[in-house]
Structure formats: C-alpha cells, structure tokens
Amino acid sequence: HVRGSLDRSITALISADDGHATEVLMDVHADPK
C-alpha cells in the first residue's frame, strides 16, 4: 500500500449532559500521498 503522511490528528472526547453524552472535537490534516 501507499504509506500516507499525517501532519496532525487530534480527537477529544468530552463528557457532556451530566455524563449522559459525549462531545466530540476533531482536527485533522493528512496527506494520502
């Protein structure tokens, strides 16, 4: 396979709604080459 390159990728899982839900924040910059 072609080896891709990752500049950055961040995923945050944050408890929400008094623990009943989870907020998801994502930031990605990738190069599949």
PDB file of all heavy atoms in Angstrom:
ATOM      1  N   HIS A   1       0.829  -1.207   0.000  1.00  0.00           N
ATOM      2  CA  HIS A   1       0.000   0.000   0.000  1.00  0.00           C
ATOM      3  C   HIS A   1       0.865   1.260   0.000  1.00  0.00           C
ATOM      4  O   HIS A   1       2.030   1.238   0.394  1.00  0.00           O
ATOM      5  CB  HIS A   1      -0.913   0.012   1.224  1.00  0.00           C
ATOM      6  CG  HIS A   1      -1.685  -1.249   1.416  1.00  0.00           C
ATOM      7  ND1 HIS A   1      -2.465  -1.790   0.420  1.00  0.00           N
ATOM      8  CD2 HIS A   1      -1.784  -2.097   2.487  1.00  0.00           C
ATOM      9  CE1 HIS A   1      -3.018  -2.911   0.849  1.00  0.00           C
ATOM     10  NE2 HIS A   1      -2.626  -3.114   2.098  1.00  0.00           N
ATOM     11  N   VAL A   2       0.265   2.379  -0.428  1.00  0.00           N
ATOM     12  CA  VAL A   2       0.948   3.669  -0.363  1.00  0.00           C
ATOM     13  C   VAL A   2       0.893   4.160   1.083  1.00  0.00           C
ATOM     14  O   VAL A   2      -0.164   4.204   1.697  1.00  0.00           O
ATOM     15  CB  VAL A   2       0.284   4.694  -1.302  1.00  0.00           C
ATOM     16  CG1 VAL A   2       0.932   6.069  -1.138  1.00  0.00           C
ATOM     17  CG2 VAL A   2       0.363   4.229  -2.749  1.00  0.00           C
ATOM     18  N   ARG A   3       2.046   4.516   1.635  1.00  0.00           N
ATOM     19  CA  ARG A   3       2.107   4.976   3.019  1.00  0.00           C
ATOM     20  C   ARG A   3       1.754   6.464   3.091  1.00  0.00           C
ATOM     21  O   ARG A   3       2.455   7.310   2.550  1.00  0.00           O
ATOM     22  CB  ARG A   3       3.504   4.719   3.587  1.00  0.00           C
ATOM     23  CG  ARG A   3       3.750   5.160   5.033  1.00  0.00           C
ATOM     24  CD  ARG A   3       2.846   4.479   6.041  1.00  0.00           C
ATOM     25  NE  ARG A   3       2.765   3.035   5.957  1.00  0.00           N
ATOM     26  CZ  ARG A   3       3.578   2.179   6.579  1.00  0.00           C
ATOM     27  NH1 ARG A   3       4.560   2.644   7.337  1.00  0.00           N
ATOM     28  NH2 ARG A   3       3.398   0.874   6.456  1.00  0.00           N
ATOM     29  N   GLY A   4       0.651   6.767   3.740  1.00  0.00           N
ATOM     30  CA  GLY A   4       0.207   8.138   3.877  1.00  0.00           C
ATOM     31  C   GLY A   4       1.003   8.888   4.938  1.00  0.00           C
ATOM     32  O   GLY A   4       1.721   8.294   5.751  1.00  0.00           O
ATOM     33  N   SER A   5       0.846  10.197   4.935  1.00  0.00           N
ATOM     34  CA  SER A   5       1.558  11.063   5.873  1.00  0.00           C
ATOM     35  C   SER A   5       0.546  11.831   6.718  1.00  0.00           C
ATOM     36  O   SER A   5      -0.479  12.287   6.211  1.00  0.00           O
ATOM     37  CB  SER A   5       2.449  12.044   5.102  1.00  0.00           C
ATOM     38  OG  SER A   5       3.062  12.969   5.972  1.00  0.00           O
ATOM     39  N   LEU A   6       0.843  11.976   7.990  1.00  0.00           N
ATOM     40  CA  LEU A   6      -0.064  12.666   8.906  1.00  0.00           C
ATOM     41  C   LEU A   6       0.644  13.868   9.503  1.00  0.00           C
ATOM     42  O   LEU A   6       1.630  13.727  10.226  1.00  0.00           O
ATOM     43  CB  LEU A   6      -0.505  11.713  10.017  1.00  0.00           C
ATOM     44  CG  LEU A   6      -1.568  12.228  10.982  1.00  0.00           C
ATOM     45  CD1 LEU A   6      -2.901  12.393  10.264  1.00  0.00           C
ATOM     46  CD2 LEU A   6      -1.721  11.279  12.164  1.00  0.00           C
ATOM     47  N   ASP A   7       0.131  15.065   9.193  1.00  0.00           N
ATOM     48  CA  ASP A   7       0.668  16.274   9.801  1.00  0.00           C
ATOM     49  C   ASP A   7       0.186  16.374  11.244  1.00  0.00           C
ATOM     50  O   ASP A   7       0.960  16.597  12.163  1.00  0.00           O
ATOM     51  CB  ASP A   7       0.239  17.502   9.000  1.00  0.00           C
ATOM     52  CG  ASP A   7       0.722  18.796   9.631  1.00  0.00           C
ATOM     53  OD1 ASP A   7       1.876  18.824  10.110  1.00  0.00           O
ATOM     54  OD2 ASP A   7      -0.044  19.773   9.659  1.00  0.00           O
ATOM     55  N   ARG A   8      -1.117  16.170  11.435  1.00  0.00           N
ATOM     56  CA  ARG A   8      -1.673  16.119  12.791  1.00  0.00           C
ATOM     57  C   ARG A   8      -3.062  15.506  12.743  1.00  0.00           C
ATOM     58  O   ARG A   8      -3.772  15.595  11.731  1.00  0.00           O
ATOM     59  CB  ARG A   8      -1.750  17.506  13.437  1.00  0.00           C
ATOM     60  CG  ARG A   8      -2.806  18.410  12.830  1.00  0.00           C
ATOM     61  CD  ARG A   8      -2.953  19.729  13.568  1.00  0.00           C
ATOM     62  NE  ARG A   8      -4.002  20.542  12.969  1.00  0.00           N
ATOM     63  CZ  ARG A   8      -3.833  21.315  11.904  1.00  0.00           C
ATOM     64  NH1 ARG A   8      -2.640  21.403  11.324  1.00  0.00           N
ATOM     65  NH2 ARG A   8      -4.839  22.015  11.415  1.00  0.00           N
ATOM     66  N   SER A   9      -3.451  14.894  13.835  1.00  0.00           N
ATOM     67  CA  SER A   9      -4.813  14.404  14.008  1.00  0.00           C
ATOM     68  C   SER A   9      -5.082  14.350  15.505  1.00  0.00           C
ATOM     69  O   SER A   9      -4.344  13.707  16.248  1.00  0.00           O
ATOM     70  CB  SER A   9      -4.993  13.017  13.376  1.00  0.00           C
ATOM     71  OG  SER A   9      -6.318  12.557  13.568  1.00  0.00           O
ATOM     72  N   ILE A  10      -6.120  15.041  15.930  1.00  0.00           N
ATOM     73  CA  ILE A  10      -6.457  15.117  17.350  1.00  0.00           C
ATOM     74  C   ILE A  10      -7.951  14.844  17.500  1.00  0.00           C
ATOM     75  O   ILE A  10      -8.769  15.418  16.782  1.00  0.00           O
ATOM     76  CB  ILE A  10      -6.134  16.500  17.942  1.00  0.00           C
ATOM     77  CG1 ILE A  10      -4.667  16.871  17.700  1.00  0.00           C
ATOM     78  CG2 ILE A  10      -6.436  16.533  19.438  1.00  0.00           C
ATOM     79  CD1 ILE A  10      -4.340  18.318  18.039  1.00  0.00           C
ATOM     80  N   THR A  11      -8.295  13.958  18.425  1.00  0.00           N
ATOM     81  CA  THR A  11      -9.694  13.699  18.747  1.00  0.00           C
ATOM     82  C   THR A  11      -9.890  13.864  20.241  1.00  0.00           C
ATOM     83  O   THR A  11      -9.199  13.217  21.038  1.00  0.00           O
ATOM     84  CB  THR A  11     -10.117  12.279  18.329  1.00  0.00           C
ATOM     85  OG1 THR A  11      -9.961  12.131  16.917  1.00  0.00           O
ATOM     86  CG2 THR A  11     -11.582  12.029  18.695  1.00  0.00           C
ATOM     87  N   ALA A  12     -10.814  14.736  20.615  1.00  0.00           N
ATOM     88  CA  ALA A  12     -11.133  14.948  22.025  1.00  0.00           C
ATOM     89  C   ALA A  12     -12.537  14.437  22.299  1.00  0.00           C
ATOM     90  O   ALA A  12     -13.480  14.748  21.564  1.00  0.00           O
ATOM     91  CB  ALA A  12     -11.036  16.429  22.383  1.00  0.00           C
ATOM     92  N   LEU A  13     -12.661  13.636  23.343  1.00  0.00           N
ATOM     93  CA  LEU A  13     -13.949  13.146  23.819  1.00  0.00           C
ATOM     94  C   LEU A  13     -14.203  13.811  25.164  1.00  0.00           C
ATOM     95  O   LEU A  13     -13.439  13.612  26.110  1.00  0.00           O
ATOM     96  CB  LEU A  13     -13.924  11.627  23.969  1.00  0.00           C
ATOM     97  CG  LEU A  13     -13.528  10.825  22.712  1.00  0.00           C
ATOM     98  CD1 LEU A  13     -13.420   9.347  23.052  1.00  0.00           C
ATOM     99  CD2 LEU A  13     -14.538  11.049  21.588  1.00  0.00           C
ATOM    100  N   ILE A  14     -15.276  14.596  25.258  1.00  0.00           N
ATOM    101  CA  ILE A  14     -15.538  15.404  26.447  1.00  0.00           C
ATOM    102  C   ILE A  14     -16.915  15.067  26.995  1.00  0.00           C
ATOM    103  O   ILE A  14     -17.910  15.138  26.265  1.00  0.00           O
ATOM    104  CB  ILE A  14     -15.456  16.906  26.114  1.00  0.00           C
ATOM    105  CG1 ILE A  14     -14.110  17.228  25.443  1.00  0.00           C
ATOM    106  CG2 ILE A  14     -15.642  17.754  27.363  1.00  0.00           C
ATOM    107  CD1 ILE A  14     -14.050  18.609  24.817  1.00  0.00           C
ATOM    108  N   SER A  15     -16.963  14.699  28.254  1.00  0.00           N
ATOM    109  CA  SER A  15     -18.237  14.355  28.873  1.00  0.00           C
ATOM    110  C   SER A  15     -19.193  15.544  28.830  1.00  0.00           C
ATOM    111  O   SER A  15     -18.808  16.690  29.085  1.00  0.00           O
ATOM    112  CB  SER A  15     -18.010  13.909  30.323  1.00  0.00           C
ATOM    113  OG  SER A  15     -19.225  13.497  30.911  1.00  0.00           O
ATOM    114  N   ALA A  16     -20.460  15.262  28.488  1.00  0.00           N
ATOM    115  CA  ALA A  16     -21.476  16.312  28.367  1.00  0.00           C
ATOM    116  C   ALA A  16     -22.806  15.815  28.930  1.00  0.00           C
ATOM    117  O   ALA A  16     -22.974  14.616  29.192  1.00  0.00           O
ATOM    118  CB  ALA A  16     -21.642  16.711  26.898  1.00  0.00           C
ATOM    119  N   ASP A  17     -23.736  16.742  29.109  1.00  0.00           N
ATOM    120  CA  ASP A  17     -25.085  16.418  29.561  1.00  0.00           C
ATOM    121  C   ASP A  17     -25.068  15.579  30.836  1.00  0.00           C
ATOM    122  O   ASP A  17     -25.716  14.537  30.930  1.00  0.00           O
ATOM    123  CB  ASP A  17     -25.856  15.692  28.449  1.00  0.00           C
ATOM    124  CG  ASP A  17     -27.355  15.585  28.736  1.00  0.00           C
ATOM    125  OD1 ASP A  17     -27.851  16.347  29.584  1.00  0.00           O
ATOM    126  OD2 ASP A  17     -27.999  14.712  28.126  1.00  0.00           O
ATOM    127  N   ASP A  18     -24.293  16.053  31.817  1.00  0.00           N
ATOM    128  CA  ASP A  18     -24.202  15.388  33.123  1.00  0.00           C
ATOM    129  C   ASP A  18     -23.793  13.923  32.999  1.00  0.00           C
ATOM    130  O   ASP A  18     -24.269  13.058  33.734  1.00  0.00           O
ATOM    131  CB  ASP A  18     -25.527  15.505  33.871  1.00  0.00           C
ATOM    132  CG  ASP A  18     -25.373  15.211  35.360  1.00  0.00           C
ATOM    133  OD1 ASP A  18     -24.286  15.449  35.909  1.00  0.00           O
ATOM    134  OD2 ASP A  18     -26.349  14.729  35.966  1.00  0.00           O
ATOM    135  N   GLY A  19     -22.907  13.673  32.042  1.00  0.00           N
ATOM    136  CA  GLY A  19     -22.365  12.317  31.884  1.00  0.00           C
ATOM    137  C   GLY A  19     -23.132  11.415  30.951  1.00  0.00           C
ATOM    138  O   GLY A  19     -22.711  10.285  30.692  1.00  0.00           O
ATOM    139  N   HIS A  20     -24.255  11.888  30.395  1.00  0.00           N
ATOM    140  CA  HIS A  20     -25.084  11.045  29.528  1.00  0.00           C
ATOM    141  C   HIS A  20     -24.670  11.118  28.058  1.00  0.00           C
ATOM    142  O   HIS A  20     -25.126  10.298  27.251  1.00  0.00           O
ATOM    143  CB  HIS A  20     -26.552  11.435  29.667  1.00  0.00           C
ATOM    144  CG  HIS A  20     -27.087  11.266  31.054  1.00  0.00           C
ATOM    145  ND1 HIS A  20     -27.240  10.031  31.650  1.00  0.00           N
ATOM    146  CD2 HIS A  20     -27.490  12.175  31.980  1.00  0.00           C
ATOM    147  CE1 HIS A  20     -27.732  10.180  32.860  1.00  0.00           C
ATOM    148  NE2 HIS A  20     -27.881  11.476  33.096  1.00  0.00           N
ATOM    149  N   ALA A  21     -23.856  12.087  27.696  1.00  0.00           N
ATOM    150  CA  ALA A  21     -23.451  12.272  26.303  1.00  0.00           C
ATOM    151  C   ALA A  21     -21.972  12.626  26.250  1.00  0.00           C
ATOM    152  O   ALA A  21     -21.329  12.878  27.272  1.00  0.00           O
ATOM    153  CB  ALA A  21     -24.292  13.362  25.639  1.00  0.00           C
ATOM    154  N   THR A  22     -21.436  12.633  25.039  1.00  0.00           N
ATOM    155  CA  THR A  22     -20.025  12.961  24.833  1.00  0.00           C
ATOM    156  C   THR A  22     -19.896  13.921  23.660  1.00  0.00           C
ATOM    157  O   THR A  22     -20.401  13.641  22.566  1.00  0.00           O
ATOM    158  CB  THR A  22     -19.196  11.695  24.545  1.00  0.00           C
ATOM    159  OG1 THR A  22     -19.318  10.784  25.642  1.00  0.00           O
ATOM    160  CG2 THR A  22     -17.729  12.046  24.338  1.00  0.00           C
ATOM    161  N   GLU A  23     -19.242  15.042  23.889  1.00  0.00           N
ATOM    162  CA  GLU A  23     -18.926  15.964  22.802  1.00  0.00           C
ATOM    163  C   GLU A  23     -17.652  15.481  22.122  1.00  0.00           C
ATOM    164  O   GLU A  23     -16.686  15.102  22.787  1.00  0.00           O
ATOM    165  CB  GLU A  23     -18.735  17.377  23.338  1.00  0.00           C
ATOM    166  CG  GLU A  23     -18.460  18.398  22.237  1.00  0.00           C
ATOM    167  CD  GLU A  23     -18.199  19.788  22.775  1.00  0.00           C
ATOM    168  OE1 GLU A  23     -17.870  19.915  23.978  1.00  0.00           O
ATOM    169  OE2 GLU A  23     -18.300  20.752  21.995  1.00  0.00           O
ATOM    170  N   VAL A  24     -17.665  15.488  20.802  1.00  0.00           N
ATOM    171  CA  VAL A  24     -16.511  15.051  20.018  1.00  0.00           C
ATOM    172  C   VAL A  24     -15.954  16.240  19.255  1.00  0.00           C
ATOM    173  O   VAL A  24     -16.679  16.924  18.522  1.00  0.00           O
ATOM    174  CB  VAL A  24     -16.895  13.928  19.028  1.00  0.00           C
ATOM    175  CG1 VAL A  24     -15.665  13.468  18.246  1.00  0.00           C
ATOM    176  CG2 VAL A  24     -17.543  12.755  19.753  1.00  0.00           C
ATOM    177  N   LEU A  25     -14.666  16.500  19.436  1.00  0.00           N
ATOM    178  CA  LEU A  25     -13.957  17.537  18.691  1.00  0.00           C
ATOM    179  C   LEU A  25     -12.835  16.869  17.910  1.00  0.00           C
ATOM    180  O   LEU A  25     -12.052  16.102  18.484  1.00  0.00           O
ATOM    181  CB  LEU A  25     -13.367  18.586  19.640  1.00  0.00           C
ATOM    182  CG  LEU A  25     -14.295  19.229  20.674  1.00  0.00           C
ATOM    183  CD1 LEU A  25     -13.501  20.168  21.582  1.00  0.00           C
ATOM    184  CD2 LEU A  25     -15.431  19.968  20.012  1.00  0.00           C
ATOM    185  N   MET A  26     -12.741  17.163  16.628  1.00  0.00           N
ATOM    186  CA  MET A  26     -11.718  16.547  15.786  1.00  0.00           C
ATOM    187  C   MET A  26     -10.998  17.597  14.956  1.00  0.00           C
ATOM    188  O   MET A  26     -11.621  18.546  14.475  1.00  0.00           O
ATOM    189  CB  MET A  26     -12.350  15.506  14.843  1.00  0.00           C
ATOM    190  CG  MET A  26     -13.108  14.392  15.524  1.00  0.00           C
ATOM    191  SD  MET A  26     -13.815  13.240  14.316  1.00  0.00           S
ATOM    192  CE  MET A  26     -12.308  12.604  13.564  1.00  0.00           C
ATOM    193  N   ASP A  27      -9.701  17.393  14.769  1.00  0.00           N
ATOM    194  CA  ASP A  27      -8.880  18.263  13.921  1.00  0.00           C
ATOM    195  C   ASP A  27      -7.891  17.367  13.190  1.00  0.00           C
ATOM    196  O   ASP A  27      -7.126  16.631  13.827  1.00  0.00           O
ATOM    197  CB  ASP A  27      -8.158  19.302  14.785  1.00  0.00           C
ATOM    198  CG  ASP A  27      -7.238  20.222  13.981  1.00  0.00           C
ATOM    199  OD1 ASP A  27      -7.205  20.100  12.738  1.00  0.00           O
ATOM    200  OD2 ASP A  27      -6.556  21.055  14.601  1.00  0.00           O
ATOM    201  N   VAL A  28      -7.923  17.395  11.856  1.00  0.00           N
ATOM    202  CA  VAL A  28      -7.038  16.508  11.098  1.00  0.00           C
ATOM    203  C   VAL A  28      -6.479  17.218   9.866  1.00  0.00           C
ATOM    204  O   VAL A  28      -7.171  17.987   9.202  1.00  0.00           O
ATOM    205  CB  VAL A  28      -7.779  15.211  10.686  1.00  0.00           C
ATOM    206  CG1 VAL A  28      -8.959  15.516   9.788  1.00  0.00           C
ATOM    207  CG2 VAL A  28      -6.828  14.221  10.023  1.00  0.00           C
ATOM    208  N   HIS A  29      -5.192  16.959   9.622  1.00  0.00           N
ATOM    209  CA  HIS A  29      -4.543  17.406   8.384  1.00  0.00           C
ATOM    210  C   HIS A  29      -3.647  16.262   7.929  1.00  0.00           C
ATOM    211  O   HIS A  29      -2.616  15.980   8.551  1.00  0.00           O
ATOM    212  CB  HIS A  29      -3.722  18.677   8.607  1.00  0.00           C
ATOM    213  CG  HIS A  29      -3.124  19.213   7.340  1.00  0.00           C
ATOM    214  ND1 HIS A  29      -1.800  19.555   7.220  1.00  0.00           N
ATOM    215  CD2 HIS A  29      -3.688  19.461   6.123  1.00  0.00           C
ATOM    216  CE1 HIS A  29      -1.559  20.001   6.003  1.00  0.00           C
ATOM    217  NE2 HIS A  29      -2.691  19.953   5.316  1.00  0.00           N
ATOM    218  N   ALA A  30      -4.078  15.575   6.874  1.00  0.00           N
ATOM    219  CA  ALA A  30      -3.381  14.364   6.428  1.00  0.00           C
ATOM    220  C   ALA A  30      -3.142  14.417   4.928  1.00  0.00           C
ATOM    221  O   ALA A  30      -3.877  15.075   4.177  1.00  0.00           O
ATOM    222  CB  ALA A  30      -4.191  13.123   6.784  1.00  0.00           C
ATOM    223  N   ASP A  31      -2.114  13.704   4.495  1.00  0.00           N
ATOM    224  CA  ASP A  31      -1.761  13.616   3.082  1.00  0.00           C
ATOM    225  C   ASP A  31      -1.698  12.137   2.695  1.00  0.00           C
ATOM    226  O   ASP A  31      -0.831  11.411   3.182  1.00  0.00           O
ATOM    227  CB  ASP A  31      -0.407  14.286   2.838  1.00  0.00           C
ATOM    228  CG  ASP A  31      -0.028  14.330   1.365  1.00  0.00           C
ATOM    229  OD1 ASP A  31      -0.704  13.683   0.546  1.00  0.00           O
ATOM    230  OD2 ASP A  31       0.963  15.013   1.031  1.00  0.00           O
ATOM    231  N   PRO A  32      -2.600  11.671   1.838  1.00  0.00           N
ATOM    232  CA  PRO A  32      -2.569  10.263   1.447  1.00  0.00           C
ATOM    233  C   PRO A  32      -1.420   9.907   0.512  1.00  0.00           C
ATOM    234  O   PRO A  32      -1.235   8.725   0.195  1.00  0.00           O
ATOM    235  CB  PRO A  32      -3.925  10.076   0.754  1.00  0.00           C
ATOM    236  CG  PRO A  32      -4.244  11.421   0.201  1.00  0.00           C
ATOM    237  CD  PRO A  32      -3.707  12.407   1.211  1.00  0.00           C
ATOM    238  N   LYS A  33      -0.685  10.911   0.083  1.00  0.00           N
ATOM    239  CA  LYS A  33       0.455  10.722  -0.814  1.00  0.00           C
ATOM    240  C   LYS A  33       0.012  10.099  -2.138  1.00  0.00           C
ATOM    241  O   LYS A  33      -1.163  10.011  -2.442  1.00  0.00           O
ATOM    242  CB  LYS A  33       1.550   9.879  -0.139  1.00  0.00           C
ATOM    243  CG  LYS A  33       2.170  10.560   1.071  1.00  0.00           C
ATOM    244  CD  LYS A  33       2.884  11.834   0.688  1.00  0.00           C
ATOM    245  CE  LYS A  33       3.616  12.458   1.844  1.00  0.00           C
ATOM    246  NZ  LYS A  33       4.332  13.695   1.454  1.00  0.00           N
TER     247      LYS A  33
END
